[in-house]
Protein backbone atom coordinates (compact mmCIF):
# COMPACT_ATOMS: atom_id res chain seq x y z
CA UNK A 1 99.56 133.84 58.86
CA UNK A 2 101.32 133.96 55.39
CA UNK A 3 102.52 136.95 53.61
CA UNK A 4 101.76 135.12 49.76
CA UNK A 5 98.78 136.40 48.01
CA UNK A 6 98.22 133.95 45.45
CA UNK A 7 96.27 134.46 41.82
CA UNK A 8 94.83 130.93 41.61
CA UNK A 9 93.52 129.98 37.53
CA UNK A 10 92.45 126.60 38.14
CA UNK A 11 88.75 126.21 36.25
CA UNK A 12 86.22 127.51 38.75
CA UNK A 13 85.03 124.94 40.83
CA UNK A 14 88.70 123.04 41.40
CA UNK A 15 89.94 126.83 42.19
CA UNK A 16 87.42 127.85 44.52
CA UNK A 17 88.17 124.31 46.34
CA UNK A 18 92.10 125.18 46.50
CA UNK A 19 91.33 128.84 47.91
CA UNK A 20 89.81 127.05 50.77
CA UNK A 21 92.48 124.75 51.27
CA UNK A 22 95.29 127.47 50.97
CA UNK A 23 92.95 129.71 53.40
CA UNK A 24 92.54 126.67 56.31
CA UNK A 25 96.40 127.48 56.42
CA UNK A 26 96.90 130.96 56.25
CA UNK A 27 97.64 132.08 52.74
CA UNK A 28 96.12 133.93 50.91
CA UNK A 29 94.87 134.03 47.11
CA UNK A 30 92.09 135.41 44.60
CA UNK A 31 90.30 133.12 42.02
CA UNK A 32 90.83 134.18 38.05
CA UNK A 33 89.82 130.80 35.98
CA UNK A 34 91.95 130.43 33.00
CA UNK A 35 90.39 127.10 32.18
CA UNK A 36 87.25 126.59 31.28
CA UNK A 37 86.06 122.63 30.80
CA UNK A 38 83.79 121.99 27.76
CA UNK A 39 82.75 118.38 27.24
CA UNK A 40 82.92 116.52 23.69
CA UNK A 41 79.88 114.67 22.50
CA UNK A 42 80.90 111.23 22.30
CA UNK A 43 81.13 109.67 18.95
CA UNK A 44 81.95 106.09 17.79
CA UNK A 45 85.43 106.28 18.02
CA UNK A 46 84.62 107.18 21.97
CA UNK A 47 82.21 104.78 22.26
CA UNK A 48 84.66 101.92 21.11
CA UNK A 49 86.84 102.93 23.94
CA UNK A 50 84.52 103.02 26.26
CA UNK A 51 82.84 99.32 25.07
CA UNK A 52 86.57 98.09 25.74
CA UNK A 53 88.18 99.33 28.44
CA UNK A 54 88.65 95.68 30.24
CA UNK A 55 90.79 94.98 27.15
CA UNK A 56 93.14 97.55 28.16
CA UNK A 57 96.30 96.86 30.84
CA UNK A 58 96.25 99.86 32.23
CA UNK A 59 93.36 102.65 32.05
CA UNK A 60 95.23 106.08 32.94
CA UNK A 61 93.16 109.14 33.91
CA UNK A 62 94.98 112.73 33.77
CA UNK A 63 92.57 114.90 35.27
CA UNK A 64 89.75 115.70 37.67
CA UNK A 65 87.27 116.37 34.90
CA UNK A 66 88.16 113.18 32.91
CA UNK A 67 87.33 111.28 36.00
CA UNK A 68 83.86 112.85 35.90
CA UNK A 69 83.37 112.89 32.22
CA UNK A 70 84.32 109.46 32.10
CA UNK A 71 81.96 108.47 35.14
CA UNK A 72 79.09 110.20 33.34
CA UNK A 73 79.47 108.44 30.29
CA UNK A 74 79.37 105.01 31.89
CA UNK A 75 76.86 105.59 34.33
CA UNK A 76 74.87 107.30 31.21
CA UNK A 77 75.42 103.58 29.15
CA UNK A 78 75.42 101.36 31.88
CA UNK A 79 79.02 99.93 30.82
CA UNK A 80 80.78 98.28 33.68
CA UNK A 81 84.01 99.53 34.27
CA UNK A 82 86.81 96.74 34.79
CA UNK A 83 87.66 97.30 39.00
CA UNK A 84 91.50 97.07 38.38
CA UNK A 85 94.30 98.34 36.16
CA UNK A 86 93.17 102.19 36.81
CA UNK A 87 96.31 104.70 37.31
CA UNK A 88 95.94 108.36 37.50
CA UNK A 89 98.87 110.95 37.89
CA UNK A 90 97.34 112.59 41.12
CA UNK A 91 95.53 111.70 44.43
CA UNK A 92 93.19 114.33 44.26
CA UNK A 93 92.03 112.46 40.48
CA UNK A 94 92.25 109.26 42.20
CA UNK A 95 89.73 110.21 44.71
CA UNK A 96 87.16 110.88 41.88
CA UNK A 97 87.09 107.28 40.71
CA UNK A 98 87.61 105.97 43.98
CA UNK A 99 84.19 106.82 45.03
CA UNK A 100 83.16 105.06 42.12
CA UNK A 101 83.87 102.17 43.77
CA UNK A 102 87.67 101.17 41.53
CA UNK A 103 90.96 100.29 42.27
CA UNK A 104 93.15 102.94 41.65
CA UNK A 105 96.81 103.03 41.64
CA UNK A 106 98.98 106.68 41.93
CA UNK A 107 102.73 108.20 42.95
CA UNK A 108 102.38 108.33 46.88
CA UNK A 109 104.90 111.61 45.95
CA UNK A 110 105.21 113.70 43.23
CA UNK A 111 101.65 113.79 41.43
CA UNK A 112 103.41 114.36 37.91
CA UNK A 113 104.17 111.88 34.54
CA UNK A 114 107.41 111.23 35.65
CA UNK A 115 106.45 109.17 39.02
CA UNK A 116 103.72 108.06 37.72
CA UNK A 117 106.11 106.04 34.93
CA UNK A 118 108.22 104.90 38.40
CA UNK A 119 105.22 103.55 39.98
CA UNK A 120 105.64 99.41 40.77
CA UNK A 121 102.10 98.55 39.65
CA UNK A 122 102.22 100.37 35.93
CA UNK A 123 105.60 98.65 35.76
CA UNK A 124 103.75 95.17 36.65
CA UNK A 125 101.20 96.23 33.96
CA UNK A 126 103.30 96.73 31.43
CA UNK A 127 105.23 93.52 31.08
CA UNK A 128 101.99 91.42 29.86
CA UNK A 129 102.36 90.76 26.35
CA UNK A 130 101.63 93.31 23.90
CA UNK A 131 100.40 95.57 26.79
CA UNK A 132 97.79 98.18 25.55
CA UNK A 133 97.18 101.61 27.76
CA UNK A 134 94.38 104.38 27.52
CA UNK A 135 95.19 107.55 28.78
CA UNK A 136 91.72 109.43 29.57
CA UNK A 137 92.22 112.97 29.11
CA UNK A 138 91.05 116.87 27.59
CA UNK A 139 92.70 117.56 23.57
CA UNK A 140 95.98 117.34 23.77
CA UNK A 141 98.44 117.10 26.92
CA UNK A 142 100.91 114.61 28.50
CA UNK A 143 102.58 113.29 25.20
CA UNK A 144 105.81 112.51 26.92
CA UNK A 145 103.51 110.02 29.36
CA UNK A 146 102.55 108.14 26.10
CA UNK A 147 105.97 108.56 24.05
CA UNK A 148 107.69 106.80 27.39
CA UNK A 149 104.81 104.30 27.62
CA UNK A 150 105.56 103.12 23.96
CA UNK A 151 109.27 102.99 24.38
CA UNK A 152 108.53 100.19 27.12
CA UNK A 153 106.79 98.40 24.43
CA UNK A 154 102.50 99.73 25.30
CA UNK A 155 100.27 100.66 22.22
CA UNK A 156 99.06 103.90 23.41
CA UNK A 157 95.52 105.11 22.87
CA UNK A 158 93.67 108.17 24.07
CA UNK A 159 89.93 108.90 25.28
CA UNK A 160 89.28 112.98 24.82
CA UNK A 161 86.45 114.04 26.92
CA UNK A 162 86.51 117.77 26.91
CA UNK A 163 88.34 120.78 25.44
CA UNK A 164 90.47 123.27 28.17
CA UNK A 165 88.75 126.74 26.93
CA UNK A 166 90.37 130.28 28.30
CA UNK A 167 87.22 131.99 29.48
CA UNK A 168 86.17 135.70 28.22
CA UNK A 169 87.18 138.48 30.69
CA UNK A 170 88.04 142.37 29.51
CA UNK A 171 90.37 143.87 28.68
CA UNK A 172 93.09 144.25 31.07
CA UNK A 173 91.01 142.21 33.93
CA UNK A 174 94.04 140.42 34.84
CA UNK A 175 96.83 143.37 35.75
CA UNK A 176 93.57 145.28 37.41
CA UNK A 177 92.94 142.04 39.67
CA UNK A 178 96.62 141.80 40.47
CA UNK A 179 97.62 145.65 40.89
CA UNK A 180 94.35 145.89 42.82
CA UNK A 181 94.41 143.06 45.46
CA UNK A 182 98.28 143.47 45.37
CA UNK A 183 98.86 139.80 44.76
CA UNK A 184 102.38 138.94 44.86
CA UNK A 185 102.52 135.46 42.88
CA UNK A 186 100.77 133.70 40.23
CA UNK A 187 99.79 129.47 40.42
CA UNK A 188 99.21 127.44 37.61
CA UNK A 189 98.49 124.26 37.38
CA UNK A 190 99.28 122.89 33.77
CA UNK A 191 100.81 123.67 30.34
CA UNK A 192 97.88 125.25 28.82
CA UNK A 193 96.90 127.20 31.91
CA UNK A 194 100.59 128.59 31.74
CA UNK A 195 99.94 129.55 27.89
CA UNK A 196 96.47 130.93 29.43
CA UNK A 197 97.92 133.35 31.32
CA UNK A 198 100.55 134.81 29.03
CA UNK A 199 97.72 135.14 26.32
CA UNK A 200 95.53 136.83 29.29
CA UNK A 201 98.73 139.17 29.79
CA UNK A 202 99.48 139.72 26.83
CA UNK A 203 101.67 143.03 26.55
CA UNK A 204 101.67 143.35 30.09
CA UNK A 205 103.65 139.37 30.41
CA UNK A 206 107.13 141.25 31.16
CA UNK A 207 106.08 142.34 34.06
CA UNK A 208 103.99 139.65 35.17
CA UNK A 209 107.19 137.24 34.73
CA UNK A 210 108.49 139.04 37.63
CA UNK A 211 106.55 137.69 40.04
CA UNK A 212 106.56 134.15 41.44
CA UNK A 213 105.45 131.32 39.48
CA UNK A 214 104.33 128.16 41.42
CA UNK A 215 104.28 125.38 38.49
CA UNK A 216 102.94 121.53 38.81
CA UNK A 217 106.24 119.80 37.31
CA UNK A 218 109.30 120.21 35.71
CA UNK A 219 108.00 120.23 32.11
CA UNK A 220 105.85 123.12 32.45
CA UNK A 221 108.81 124.41 34.44
CA UNK A 222 110.70 124.89 31.51
CA UNK A 223 108.28 126.09 29.71
CA UNK A 224 107.54 128.90 31.67
CA UNK A 225 111.21 130.14 32.47
CA UNK A 226 111.60 129.33 28.34
CA UNK A 227 109.11 132.23 28.00
CA UNK A 228 110.79 134.69 30.31
CA UNK A 229 109.53 133.82 33.69
CA UNK A 230 112.32 135.56 36.10
CA UNK A 231 110.92 133.10 39.53
CA UNK A 232 109.35 129.97 39.06
CA UNK A 233 108.71 127.41 41.73
CA UNK A 234 108.31 123.42 40.68
CA UNK A 235 105.92 121.81 43.49
CA UNK A 236 105.89 118.57 41.77
CA UNK A 237 102.73 118.36 41.97
CA UNK A 238 98.98 119.86 40.94
CA UNK A 239 97.50 119.15 44.67
CA UNK A 240 96.70 121.52 47.29
CA UNK A 241 98.73 120.14 49.42
CA UNK A 242 102.17 120.03 46.84
CA UNK A 243 101.27 123.36 45.96
CA UNK A 244 101.40 124.78 50.10
CA UNK A 245 104.54 122.50 50.79
CA UNK A 246 106.27 124.51 48.01
CA UNK A 247 104.69 128.01 48.92
CA UNK A 248 105.26 127.72 53.10
CA UNK A 249 109.45 127.14 51.76
CA UNK A 250 108.85 129.97 49.16
CA UNK A 251 109.74 133.39 51.11
CA UNK A 252 106.47 135.93 49.90
CA UNK A 253 108.48 138.79 48.24
CA UNK A 254 108.98 142.29 49.98
CA UNK A 255 105.85 144.75 49.81
């Protein structure tokens, strides 16, 4: 049985699934979702992007909420998506799209923007004349991905389908949970998730910053270190598999 007792902060549905995967491997955890997905009403610009999916050489879907909402909108509008040209940052998001019969490419190792940009299939898509790339996401995020694609000559557009909000909790909820359950590690799945963690901590951040913090990418690792986090572990991916591997190679703090 692992000595780790982790605070998980993903949206509620994903948090529960992650906790179950960790429990199966003997890792204890506690769920306190710090991201809430709020769908955006589709307006004319989003509708045009949906109707024009066949015009893009690459469609990059960056999260499971983005994939689920995209499929919902396509079903509601009876728009037939292209079978090819789909890319995701990680395997879990790919699985959502594959469940709808789409052929999806994703990095075999390292589910982050850097790994996706190195994917041969994406590089091949960008060799088309004046390639167009659509990034399906929430509001904000993955700016590095868009910048790097633009550097390679691609015209990048966004289809934003949701906002990430911080759920309302009573003051002090975060520290009470950590102390009551004797949690000894923190997990965030994105840069915004880290921002919400720090916001929730408030004046207690200096104390929390001493705990090991598991993050999904070098970018979020740099963000956390700049904010004062003392022990940052880069999982090189946001999947349960990536987190579990990082946890297993890291020693839990002494009780």
